[in-house]
Amino acid sequence: MDAVIPAAGRGSRLGELTADRPKGLVDVAGRPLLAHVFETAVEAGADQLVAVVGYEAAQIVDRFGDAFEGVPITYVHQRERLGLGHAVLQAEPHVDGTFLLLNGDNIFSGSVEPAVEAVGEADAVLGVEEVSVEVATTTGVIETDEQGRVTDIIEKPAEPSSTLVTTGCYVLPTDIFHACALVRPSAEGEYQLSEAVGLLVRAGYDVATVRVGERVNVNTPADAERASELVRGESGTGS
């Protein structure tokens, strides 16, 4: 299975941590953030990593080269960073069949393999978690039926009907590319992946949800420290 890793962002909220490097090379527990994301993908069974790069892309290419732990890396340049849906579209020529998508700024405490395994019983799978109402207003909120199947996704609702949200882990069919191409830009000019997944749901695709454990979305220096603590706790090394 291919794994698509969107990692084109600068990470401006990380301040000095990204003054001379892209977000994907910010240190997390002694390794670049992207090394942890690549490792999560490989451990889940990825046999190709498709890294969508942009800001200071050459630094990422120089750091990782053409393979990670024996798994080949294909680099795709996102010249304009117009949202996650747009990033996914850039990977289309390099993806063959159902693929794993992991946001390049998320650290997970455990394996995302359960999401990969669940796709055999659904057309697509979303890794999910419960958050506060406040956080739910800032992201894609998921509504499900009694079986945990997705019935709707609402992007950044003012009054969330649910506190179940995506974690940046998806297993998606290639039809998602067509859905992304149909999405209209938001008021901020971004193409939202959540809206593309919503199009699949409304078209009758069976989209399941799976809990994939604790994760940290690395957007600030405090997040980077929390991610380091999560990794250290998982490894038990303390360093």
C-alpha atoms as a PDB file:
ATOM      1  CA  MET A   1       0.000   0.000   0.000  1.00  0.00           C
ATOM      2  CA  ASP A   2       1.219   3.503  -0.843  1.00  0.00           C
ATOM      3  CA  ALA A   3       1.359   6.110   1.919  1.00  0.00           C
ATOM      4  CA  VAL A   4       0.857   9.789   1.101  1.00  0.00           C
ATOM      5  CA  ILE A   5       2.495  12.218   3.547  1.00  0.00           C
ATOM      6  CA  PRO A   6       1.539  15.902   3.089  1.00  0.00           C
ATOM      7  CA  ALA A   7       4.518  17.874   4.410  1.00  0.00           C
ATOM      8  CA  ALA A   8       4.638  21.108   2.412  1.00  0.00           C
ATOM      9  CA  GLY A   9       4.023  23.593   5.204  1.00  0.00           C
ATOM     10  CA  ARG A  10       6.369  26.090   6.763  1.00  0.00           C
ATOM     11  CA  GLY A  11       4.971  25.855  10.282  1.00  0.00           C
ATOM     12  CA  SER A  12       4.995  29.579  10.997  1.00  0.00           C
ATOM     13  CA  ARG A  13       3.493  29.094  14.470  1.00  0.00           C
ATOM     14  CA  LEU A  14       6.598  27.113  15.442  1.00  0.00           C
ATOM     15  CA  GLY A  15       8.555  30.371  15.507  1.00  0.00           C
ATOM     16  CA  GLU A  16      12.325  29.976  15.749  1.00  0.00           C
ATOM     17  CA  LEU A  17      12.059  26.205  15.341  1.00  0.00           C
ATOM     18  CA  THR A  18      11.321  26.730  11.637  1.00  0.00           C
ATOM     19  CA  ALA A  19      13.467  29.835  11.103  1.00  0.00           C
ATOM     20  CA  ASP A  20      15.966  27.834   9.043  1.00  0.00           C
ATOM     21  CA  ARG A  21      14.136  24.583   8.275  1.00  0.00           C
ATOM     22  CA  PRO A  22      10.773  23.234   7.102  1.00  0.00           C
ATOM     23  CA  LYS A  23       8.229  22.002   9.608  1.00  0.00           C
ATOM     24  CA  GLY A  24       8.975  18.373   8.773  1.00  0.00           C
ATOM     25  CA  LEU A  25      12.538  18.710  10.082  1.00  0.00           C
ATOM     26  CA  VAL A  26      11.618  20.126  13.508  1.00  0.00           C
ATOM     27  CA  ASP A  27      13.219  18.025  16.213  1.00  0.00           C
ATOM     28  CA  VAL A  28      10.926  15.613  18.061  1.00  0.00           C
ATOM     29  CA  ALA A  29      12.686  13.428  20.640  1.00  0.00           C
ATOM     30  CA  GLY A  30      16.002  13.713  18.799  1.00  0.00           C
ATOM     31  CA  ARG A  31      14.691  12.937  15.303  1.00  0.00           C
ATOM     32  CA  PRO A  32      12.972  14.986  12.576  1.00  0.00           C
ATOM     33  CA  LEU A  33       9.196  15.130  12.835  1.00  0.00           C
ATOM     34  CA  LEU A  34       8.882  13.479   9.417  1.00  0.00           C
ATOM     35  CA  ALA A  35      11.034  10.529  10.500  1.00  0.00           C
ATOM     36  CA  HIS A  36       8.368   9.623  13.050  1.00  0.00           C
ATOM     37  CA  VAL A  37       5.592   9.984  10.453  1.00  0.00           C
ATOM     38  CA  PHE A  38       7.473   7.872   7.910  1.00  0.00           C
ATOM     39  CA  GLU A  39       8.106   5.248  10.572  1.00  0.00           C
ATOM     40  CA  THR A  40       4.401   5.111  11.461  1.00  0.00           C
ATOM     41  CA  ALA A  41       3.549   4.575   7.781  1.00  0.00           C
ATOM     42  CA  VAL A  42       6.173   1.861   7.285  1.00  0.00           C
ATOM     43  CA  GLU A  43       5.100   0.017  10.429  1.00  0.00           C
ATOM     44  CA  ALA A  44       1.523   0.042   9.073  1.00  0.00           C
ATOM     45  CA  GLY A  45       2.700  -1.720   5.907  1.00  0.00           C
ATOM     46  CA  ALA A  46       3.490   1.080   3.455  1.00  0.00           C
ATOM     47  CA  ASP A  47       5.657  -0.055   0.540  1.00  0.00           C
ATOM     48  CA  GLN A  48       6.056   3.439  -0.964  1.00  0.00           C
ATOM     49  CA  LEU A  49       6.132   6.841   0.707  1.00  0.00           C
ATOM     50  CA  VAL A  50       4.797   9.736  -1.373  1.00  0.00           C
ATOM     51  CA  ALA A  51       5.955  12.895   0.393  1.00  0.00           C
ATOM     52  CA  VAL A  52       4.205  16.089  -0.704  1.00  0.00           C
ATOM     53  CA  VAL A  53       6.771  18.821  -0.069  1.00  0.00           C
ATOM     54  CA  GLY A  54       6.889  22.578  -0.579  1.00  0.00           C
ATOM     55  CA  TYR A  55       8.601  25.055   1.757  1.00  0.00           C
ATOM     56  CA  GLU A  56      12.381  24.387   1.812  1.00  0.00           C
ATOM     57  CA  ALA A  57      11.714  21.076   0.063  1.00  0.00           C
ATOM     58  CA  ALA A  58      15.392  20.556  -0.772  1.00  0.00           C
ATOM     59  CA  GLN A  59      16.219  20.214   2.912  1.00  0.00           C
ATOM     60  CA  ILE A  60      13.764  17.336   3.273  1.00  0.00           C
ATOM     61  CA  VAL A  61      15.088  15.607   0.152  1.00  0.00           C
ATOM     62  CA  ASP A  62      18.674  16.026   1.354  1.00  0.00           C
ATOM     63  CA  ARG A  63      17.793  14.662   4.793  1.00  0.00           C
ATOM     64  CA  PHE A  64      15.922  11.521   3.717  1.00  0.00           C
ATOM     65  CA  GLY A  65      17.166  10.767   0.220  1.00  0.00           C
ATOM     66  CA  ASP A  66      15.339   8.208  -1.889  1.00  0.00           C
ATOM     67  CA  ALA A  67      14.340   5.714   0.816  1.00  0.00           C
ATOM     68  CA  PHE A  68      13.414   5.393   4.493  1.00  0.00           C
ATOM     69  CA  GLU A  69      14.180   2.081   6.210  1.00  0.00           C
ATOM     70  CA  GLY A  70      14.326   0.448   2.791  1.00  0.00           C
ATOM     71  CA  VAL A  71      10.984   1.856   1.625  1.00  0.00           C
ATOM     72  CA  PRO A  72      11.282   4.098  -1.465  1.00  0.00           C
ATOM     73  CA  ILE A  73      10.303   7.759  -1.214  1.00  0.00           C
ATOM     74  CA  THR A  74       8.728   9.699  -4.080  1.00  0.00           C
ATOM     75  CA  TYR A  75       8.740  13.471  -3.655  1.00  0.00           C
ATOM     76  CA  VAL A  76       5.911  15.595  -5.076  1.00  0.00           C
ATOM     77  CA  HIS A  77       6.151  19.387  -5.025  1.00  0.00           C
ATOM     78  CA  GLN A  78       3.079  21.378  -3.942  1.00  0.00           C
ATOM     79  CA  ARG A  79       3.923  24.765  -5.427  1.00  0.00           C
ATOM     80  CA  GLU A  80       0.889  26.501  -3.937  1.00  0.00           C
ATOM     81  CA  ARG A  81      -0.200  25.341  -0.489  1.00  0.00           C
ATOM     82  CA  LEU A  82      -3.957  25.432  -0.899  1.00  0.00           C
ATOM     83  CA  GLY A  83      -5.138  22.985   1.728  1.00  0.00           C
ATOM     84  CA  LEU A  84      -5.048  19.258   2.381  1.00  0.00           C
ATOM     85  CA  GLY A  85      -7.374  18.380  -0.485  1.00  0.00           C
ATOM     86  CA  HIS A  86      -5.046  20.189  -2.882  1.00  0.00           C
ATOM     87  CA  ALA A  87      -2.020  18.410  -1.420  1.00  0.00           C
ATOM     88  CA  VAL A  88      -3.675  15.025  -1.937  1.00  0.00           C
ATOM     89  CA  LEU A  89      -4.365  15.849  -5.585  1.00  0.00           C
ATOM     90  CA  GLN A  90      -0.650  16.413  -6.204  1.00  0.00           C
ATOM     91  CA  ALA A  91       0.034  12.785  -5.263  1.00  0.00           C
ATOM     92  CA  GLU A  92      -2.482  11.275  -7.691  1.00  0.00           C
ATOM     93  CA  PRO A  93      -0.016  10.309 -10.466  1.00  0.00           C
ATOM     94  CA  HIS A  94       2.100   8.360  -7.995  1.00  0.00           C
ATOM     95  CA  VAL A  95      -0.578   6.369  -6.170  1.00  0.00           C
ATOM     96  CA  ASP A  96      -1.783   2.926  -7.189  1.00  0.00           C
ATOM     97  CA  GLY A  97      -4.919   1.699  -5.435  1.00  0.00           C
ATOM     98  CA  THR A  98      -6.242   2.327  -1.934  1.00  0.00           C
ATOM     99  CA  PHE A  99      -3.687   4.323   0.045  1.00  0.00           C
ATOM    100  CA  LEU A 100      -2.803   5.430   3.565  1.00  0.00           C
ATOM    101  CA  LEU A 101      -2.727   9.179   4.201  1.00  0.00           C
ATOM    102  CA  LEU A 102      -0.881  10.514   7.243  1.00  0.00           C
ATOM    103  CA  ASN A 103      -0.559  14.231   7.869  1.00  0.00           C
ATOM    104  CA  GLY A 104       3.112  15.130   8.048  1.00  0.00           C
ATOM    105  CA  ASP A 105       2.776  16.998  11.353  1.00  0.00           C
ATOM    106  CA  ASN A 106       1.077  14.339  13.489  1.00  0.00           C
ATOM    107  CA  ILE A 107       2.766  12.085  16.023  1.00  0.00           C
ATOM    108  CA  PHE A 108       0.853   8.983  17.121  1.00  0.00           C
ATOM    109  CA  SER A 109       1.406   7.089  20.346  1.00  0.00           C
ATOM    110  CA  GLY A 110       0.726   3.735  18.715  1.00  0.00           C
ATOM    111  CA  SER A 111       0.189   1.966  15.429  1.00  0.00           C
ATOM    112  CA  VAL A 112      -2.282   3.099  12.771  1.00  0.00           C
ATOM    113  CA  GLU A 113      -2.388  -0.420  11.361  1.00  0.00           C
ATOM    114  CA  PRO A 114      -5.961  -0.965  12.687  1.00  0.00           C
ATOM    115  CA  ALA A 115      -7.130   1.684  10.205  1.00  0.00           C
ATOM    116  CA  VAL A 116      -5.374  -0.138   7.357  1.00  0.00           C
ATOM    117  CA  GLU A 117      -6.851  -3.459   8.408  1.00  0.00           C
ATOM    118  CA  ALA A 118     -10.379  -2.026   8.653  1.00  0.00           C
ATOM    119  CA  VAL A 119     -10.466  -0.977   5.000  1.00  0.00           C
ATOM    120  CA  GLY A 120     -11.214  -4.575   4.038  1.00  0.00           C
ATOM    121  CA  GLU A 121     -14.689  -4.065   5.507  1.00  0.00           C
ATOM    122  CA  ALA A 122     -15.291  -0.507   4.213  1.00  0.00           C
ATOM    123  CA  ASP A 123     -14.501   1.665   1.198  1.00  0.00           C
ATOM    124  CA  ALA A 124     -12.539   4.132   3.328  1.00  0.00           C
ATOM    125  CA  VAL A 125     -11.464   4.504   6.948  1.00  0.00           C
ATOM    126  CA  LEU A 126     -10.906   7.584   9.106  1.00  0.00           C
ATOM    127  CA  GLY A 127      -8.751   7.490  12.213  1.00  0.00           C
ATOM    128  CA  VAL A 128     -10.693   9.471  14.817  1.00  0.00           C
ATOM    129  CA  GLU A 129     -10.579  10.826  18.365  1.00  0.00           C
ATOM    130  CA  GLU A 130     -12.808  12.719  20.791  1.00  0.00           C
ATOM    131  CA  VAL A 131     -11.925  16.348  21.534  1.00  0.00           C
ATOM    132  CA  SER A 132     -13.363  19.287  23.438  1.00  0.00           C
ATOM    133  CA  VAL A 133     -16.170  21.376  21.951  1.00  0.00           C
ATOM    134  CA  GLU A 134     -13.704  24.256  21.600  1.00  0.00           C
ATOM    135  CA  VAL A 135     -11.293  22.162  19.524  1.00  0.00           C
ATOM    136  CA  ALA A 136     -14.149  20.735  17.459  1.00  0.00           C
ATOM    137  CA  THR A 137     -14.953  24.223  16.146  1.00  0.00           C
ATOM    138  CA  THR A 138     -11.498  24.385  14.536  1.00  0.00           C
ATOM    139  CA  THR A 139     -11.499  21.171  12.511  1.00  0.00           C
ATOM    140  CA  GLY A 140     -13.594  18.626  10.625  1.00  0.00           C
ATOM    141  CA  VAL A 141     -16.317  17.166  12.849  1.00  0.00           C
ATOM    142  CA  ILE A 142     -17.602  13.682  12.057  1.00  0.00           C
ATOM    143  CA  GLU A 143     -21.153  12.462  12.466  1.00  0.00           C
ATOM    144  CA  THR A 144     -21.687   8.692  12.555  1.00  0.00           C
ATOM    145  CA  ASP A 145     -24.454   6.131  12.797  1.00  0.00           C
ATOM    146  CA  GLU A 146     -24.744   3.443  15.483  1.00  0.00           C
ATOM    147  CA  GLN A 147     -22.246   1.234  13.641  1.00  0.00           C
ATOM    148  CA  GLY A 148     -19.615   3.975  13.577  1.00  0.00           C
ATOM    149  CA  ARG A 149     -20.088   4.640   9.876  1.00  0.00           C
ATOM    150  CA  VAL A 150     -19.650   8.232   8.746  1.00  0.00           C
ATOM    151  CA  THR A 151     -22.886   9.998   7.813  1.00  0.00           C
ATOM    152  CA  ASP A 152     -21.487  13.515   7.456  1.00  0.00           C
ATOM    153  CA  ILE A 153     -18.385  15.661   7.945  1.00  0.00           C
ATOM    154  CA  ILE A 154     -18.748  19.322   8.861  1.00  0.00           C
ATOM    155  CA  GLU A 155     -15.711  21.580   8.545  1.00  0.00           C
ATOM    156  CA  LYS A 156     -15.127  24.014  11.446  1.00  0.00           C
ATOM    157  CA  PRO A 157     -18.736  24.226  12.694  1.00  0.00           C
ATOM    158  CA  ALA A 158     -19.656  27.159  14.925  1.00  0.00           C
ATOM    159  CA  GLU A 159     -21.839  24.820  17.020  1.00  0.00           C
ATOM    160  CA  PRO A 160     -20.476  21.260  16.718  1.00  0.00           C
ATOM    161  CA  SER A 161     -23.041  18.480  16.652  1.00  0.00           C
ATOM    162  CA  SER A 162     -20.293  16.044  17.601  1.00  0.00           C
ATOM    163  CA  THR A 163     -16.856  16.109  19.219  1.00  0.00           C
ATOM    164  CA  LEU A 164     -15.537  13.253  17.077  1.00  0.00           C
ATOM    165  CA  VAL A 165     -12.822  14.501  14.708  1.00  0.00           C
ATOM    166  CA  THR A 166     -10.251  13.172  12.283  1.00  0.00           C
ATOM    167  CA  THR A 167      -6.681  12.605  13.456  1.00  0.00           C
ATOM    168  CA  GLY A 168      -4.931  13.110  10.145  1.00  0.00           C
ATOM    169  CA  CYS A 169      -4.975   9.360   9.484  1.00  0.00           C
ATOM    170  CA  TYR A 170      -7.034   8.129   6.528  1.00  0.00           C
ATOM    171  CA  VAL A 171      -7.220   5.062   4.318  1.00  0.00           C
ATOM    172  CA  LEU A 172      -8.775   6.178   1.043  1.00  0.00           C
ATOM    173  CA  PRO A 173      -9.778   4.811  -2.358  1.00  0.00           C
ATOM    174  CA  THR A 174      -8.412   6.458  -5.486  1.00  0.00           C
ATOM    175  CA  ASP A 175     -11.885   7.926  -6.108  1.00  0.00           C
ATOM    176  CA  ILE A 176     -10.920  10.530  -3.504  1.00  0.00           C
ATOM    177  CA  PHE A 177      -8.870  12.270  -6.195  1.00  0.00           C
ATOM    178  CA  HIS A 178     -11.971  12.914  -8.293  1.00  0.00           C
ATOM    179  CA  ALA A 179     -13.787  14.118  -5.169  1.00  0.00           C
ATOM    180  CA  CYS A 180     -10.926  16.508  -4.327  1.00  0.00           C
ATOM    181  CA  ALA A 181     -11.100  17.917  -7.846  1.00  0.00           C
ATOM    182  CA  LEU A 182     -14.794  18.686  -7.315  1.00  0.00           C
ATOM    183  CA  VAL A 183     -14.328  20.560  -4.034  1.00  0.00           C
ATOM    184  CA  ARG A 184     -14.696  24.323  -4.138  1.00  0.00           C
ATOM    185  CA  PRO A 185     -12.193  26.467  -2.228  1.00  0.00           C
ATOM    186  CA  SER A 186     -13.070  27.765   1.213  1.00  0.00           C
ATOM    187  CA  ALA A 187     -13.231  31.457   2.076  1.00  0.00           C
ATOM    188  CA  GLU A 188      -9.502  31.172   2.863  1.00  0.00           C
ATOM    189  CA  GLY A 189      -8.826  29.728  -0.597  1.00  0.00           C
ATOM    190  CA  GLU A 190      -8.160  26.189   0.660  1.00  0.00           C
ATOM    191  CA  TYR A 191      -9.480  22.898  -0.699  1.00  0.00           C
ATOM    192  CA  GLN A 192     -10.591  20.816   2.286  1.00  0.00           C
ATOM    193  CA  LEU A 193     -10.088  17.050   2.264  1.00  0.00           C
ATOM    194  CA  SER A 194     -12.984  16.701   4.708  1.00  0.00           C
ATOM    195  CA  GLU A 195     -15.335  18.061   2.065  1.00  0.00           C
ATOM    196  CA  ALA A 196     -14.021  15.555  -0.470  1.00  0.00           C
ATOM    197  CA  VAL A 197     -14.611  12.693   1.976  1.00  0.00           C
ATOM    198  CA  GLY A 198     -18.084  14.106   2.548  1.00  0.00           C
ATOM    199  CA  LEU A 199     -18.735  13.855  -1.192  1.00  0.00           C
ATOM    200  CA  LEU A 200     -17.839  10.156  -1.050  1.00  0.00           C
ATOM    201  CA  VAL A 201     -20.212   9.644   1.876  1.00  0.00           C
ATOM    202  CA  ARG A 202     -23.064  11.356   0.055  1.00  0.00           C
ATOM    203  CA  ALA A 203     -22.314   9.269  -3.044  1.00  0.00           C
ATOM    204  CA  GLY A 204     -22.914   6.107  -1.005  1.00  0.00           C
ATOM    205  CA  TYR A 205     -19.379   5.049  -0.091  1.00  0.00           C
ATOM    206  CA  ASP A 206     -19.037   3.094   3.148  1.00  0.00           C
ATOM    207  CA  VAL A 207     -16.681   5.155   5.336  1.00  0.00           C
ATOM    208  CA  ALA A 208     -15.741   3.606   8.672  1.00  0.00           C
ATOM    209  CA  THR A 209     -14.123   5.122  11.771  1.00  0.00           C
ATOM    210  CA  VAL A 210     -11.338   3.621  13.887  1.00  0.00           C
ATOM    211  CA  ARG A 211      -9.738   4.867  17.102  1.00  0.00           C
ATOM    212  CA  VAL A 212      -5.976   5.012  16.583  1.00  0.00           C
ATOM    213  CA  GLY A 213      -4.731   6.132  19.985  1.00  0.00           C
ATOM    214  CA  GLU A 214      -3.287   9.354  21.325  1.00  0.00           C
ATOM    215  CA  ARG A 215      -1.701  11.811  18.918  1.00  0.00           C
ATOM    216  CA  VAL A 216      -0.160  15.256  18.922  1.00  0.00           C
ATOM    217  CA  ASN A 217      -0.577  17.708  16.056  1.00  0.00           C
ATOM    218  CA  VAL A 218       2.701  19.657  16.018  1.00  0.00           C
ATOM    219  CA  ASN A 219       1.882  23.316  15.360  1.00  0.00           C
ATOM    220  CA  THR A 220       3.659  25.183  18.176  1.00  0.00           C
ATOM    221  CA  PRO A 221       6.837  24.768  20.250  1.00  0.00           C
ATOM    222  CA  ALA A 222       4.679  23.445  23.096  1.00  0.00           C
ATOM    223  CA  ASP A 223       3.233  20.830  20.716  1.00  0.00           C
ATOM    224  CA  ALA A 224       6.755  19.774  19.715  1.00  0.00           C
ATOM    225  CA  GLU A 225       7.611  19.238  23.364  1.00  0.00           C
ATOM    226  CA  ARG A 226       4.400  17.284  23.969  1.00  0.00           C
ATOM    227  CA  ALA A 227       5.161  15.137  20.927  1.00  0.00           C
ATOM    228  CA  SER A 228       8.655  14.462  22.269  1.00  0.00           C
ATOM    229  CA  GLU A 229       7.200  13.405  25.611  1.00  0.00           C
ATOM    230  CA  LEU A 230       4.727  11.130  23.825  1.00  0.00           C
ATOM    231  CA  VAL A 231       7.520   9.473  21.833  1.00  0.00           C
ATOM    232  CA  ARG A 232       9.753   9.087  24.867  1.00  0.00           C
ATOM    233  CA  GLY A 233       6.947   7.591  26.871  1.00  0.00           C
ATOM    234  CA  GLU A 234       6.203   5.151  24.067  1.00  0.00           C
ATOM    235  CA  SER A 235       9.836   4.116  23.651  1.00  0.00           C
ATOM    236  CA  GLY A 236      10.572   4.015  27.356  1.00  0.00           C
ATOM    237  CA  THR A 237      14.082   5.334  26.717  1.00  0.00           C
ATOM    238  CA  GLY A 238      13.632   8.759  28.256  1.00  0.00           C
ATOM    239  CA  SER A 239      15.756  10.319  25.495  1.00  0.00           C
END
